[in-house]
C-alpha atoms as a PDB file:
ATOM      1  CA  MET A   1      13.679  -0.628 103.667  1.00  0.00           C
ATOM      2  CA  ALA A   2      13.455  -3.992 101.864  1.00  0.00           C
ATOM      3  CA  ARG A   3       9.750  -4.098 102.644  1.00  0.00           C
ATOM      4  CA  ARG A   4       9.065  -1.017 100.530  1.00  0.00           C
ATOM      5  CA  GLY A   5       9.558  -3.000  97.326  1.00  0.00           C
ATOM      6  CA  TRP A   6       6.424  -5.013  98.049  1.00  0.00           C
ATOM      7  CA  TYR A   7       4.309  -1.874  97.693  1.00  0.00           C
ATOM      8  CA  TRP A   8       5.041  -1.836  93.945  1.00  0.00           C
ATOM      9  CA  LEU A   9       2.913  -4.953  93.702  1.00  0.00           C
ATOM     10  CA  LEU A  10      -0.119  -2.802  94.522  1.00  0.00           C
ATOM     11  CA  LEU A  11       0.120  -1.346  91.028  1.00  0.00           C
ATOM     12  CA  VAL A  12      -1.124  -4.644  89.584  1.00  0.00           C
ATOM     13  CA  PRO A  13      -4.784  -4.223  90.664  1.00  0.00           C
ATOM     14  CA  VAL A  14      -4.690  -0.606  89.487  1.00  0.00           C
ATOM     15  CA  VAL A  15      -3.045  -1.067  86.091  1.00  0.00           C
ATOM     16  CA  VAL A  16      -4.474  -4.404  84.920  1.00  0.00           C
ATOM     17  CA  PRO A  17      -8.116  -3.181  84.788  1.00  0.00           C
ATOM     18  CA  LEU A  18      -6.944  -0.219  82.706  1.00  0.00           C
ATOM     19  CA  LEU A  19      -5.649  -2.394  79.848  1.00  0.00           C
ATOM     20  CA  PRO A  20      -8.267  -2.049  77.083  1.00  0.00           C
ATOM     21  CA  PHE A  21      -7.170  -5.065  75.047  1.00  0.00           C
ATOM     22  CA  LEU A  22      -8.514  -7.268  77.832  1.00  0.00           C
ATOM     23  CA  TYR A  23     -12.065  -6.034  77.191  1.00  0.00           C
ATOM     24  CA  ASN A  24     -11.989  -5.731  73.425  1.00  0.00           C
ATOM     25  CA  ALA A  25     -14.167  -8.761  72.710  1.00  0.00           C
ATOM     26  CA  ASP A  26     -17.603 -10.125  73.433  1.00  0.00           C
ATOM     27  CA  GLU A  27     -16.408 -13.707  73.659  1.00  0.00           C
ATOM     28  CA  PRO A  28     -15.821 -15.811  75.658  1.00  0.00           C
ATOM     29  CA  ARG A  29     -19.022 -15.649  77.604  1.00  0.00           C
ATOM     30  CA  LEU A  30     -19.244 -17.043  81.099  1.00  0.00           C
ATOM     31  CA  PHE A  31     -22.730 -18.016  82.297  1.00  0.00           C
ATOM     32  CA  GLY A  32     -24.105 -15.776  79.542  1.00  0.00           C
ATOM     33  CA  PHE A  33     -22.134 -12.712  80.642  1.00  0.00           C
ATOM     34  CA  PRO A  34     -19.828 -11.014  78.126  1.00  0.00           C
ATOM     35  CA  ARG A  35     -16.115 -10.859  78.882  1.00  0.00           C
ATOM     36  CA  PHE A  36     -16.251  -7.265  80.168  1.00  0.00           C
ATOM     37  CA  TYR A  37     -18.586  -8.070  83.048  1.00  0.00           C
ATOM     38  CA  TRP A  38     -17.056 -11.289  84.324  1.00  0.00           C
ATOM     39  CA  LEU A  39     -13.557  -9.883  83.944  1.00  0.00           C
ATOM     40  CA  GLN A  40     -14.505  -6.943  86.140  1.00  0.00           C
ATOM     41  CA  LEU A  41     -15.708  -9.390  88.777  1.00  0.00           C
ATOM     42  CA  ALA A  42     -12.505 -11.437  88.427  1.00  0.00           C
ATOM     43  CA  PHE A  43     -10.423  -8.379  89.275  1.00  0.00           C
ATOM     44  CA  ILE A  44     -11.943  -8.276  92.760  1.00  0.00           C
ATOM     45  CA  PRO A  45     -10.289 -11.523  93.984  1.00  0.00           C
ATOM     46  CA  LEU A  46      -7.083 -10.491  92.182  1.00  0.00           C
ATOM     47  CA  SER A  47      -7.036  -7.241  94.140  1.00  0.00           C
ATOM     48  CA  VAL A  48      -7.751  -9.036  97.404  1.00  0.00           C
ATOM     49  CA  VAL A  49      -4.936 -11.546  96.871  1.00  0.00           C
ATOM     50  CA  VAL A  50      -2.397  -8.883  95.910  1.00  0.00           C
ATOM     51  CA  THR A  51      -3.377  -6.702  98.876  1.00  0.00           C
ATOM     52  CA  LEU A  52      -3.117  -9.668 101.233  1.00  0.00           C
ATOM     53  CA  ILE A  53       0.351 -10.558  99.939  1.00  0.00           C
ATOM     54  CA  VAL A  54       1.582  -6.994 100.383  1.00  0.00           C
ATOM     55  CA  TYR A  55       0.069  -6.772 103.851  1.00  0.00           C
ATOM     56  CA  ARG A  56       1.646 -10.026 105.015  1.00  0.00           C
ATOM     57  CA  ARG A  57       5.066  -9.145 103.598  1.00  0.00           C
ATOM     58  CA  THR A  58       5.197  -5.601 104.982  1.00  0.00           C
ATOM     59  CA  ARG A  59       3.826  -5.904 108.488  1.00  0.00           C
ATOM     60  CA  THR A  60       6.253  -5.532 111.340  1.00  0.00           C
ATOM     61  CA  PRO A  61       6.433  -7.413 114.648  1.00  0.00           C
ATOM     62  CA  ALA A  62       4.905  -4.336 116.319  1.00  0.00           C
ATOM     63  CA  ASP A  63       1.826  -4.876 114.147  1.00  0.00           C
ATOM     64  CA  GLU A  64       1.252  -8.317 115.654  1.00  0.00           C
ATOM     65  CA  PRO A  65      -1.403  -8.661 118.383  1.00  0.00           C
ATOM     66  CA  GLY A  66       0.382  -8.208 121.687  1.00  0.00           C
ATOM     67  CA  GLY A  67       3.462  -6.830 119.901  1.00  0.00           C
ATOM     68  CA  GLU A  68       5.383  -3.915 121.304  1.00  0.00           C
END
């Protein structure tokens, strides 16, 4: 049951890209790209890291290779 709390962390990659104040500017630019574009690309590693954390914290010994 304690592992279920980790699933709430999966809301971060869903909710953070929906916050409009993050996109409401043209500056700063990164390699000539406006904030909107590079921020969208930055959310990909954020989502991967959060998903990896939740996966590692919620897997059971039966999920291990060779586990029963």
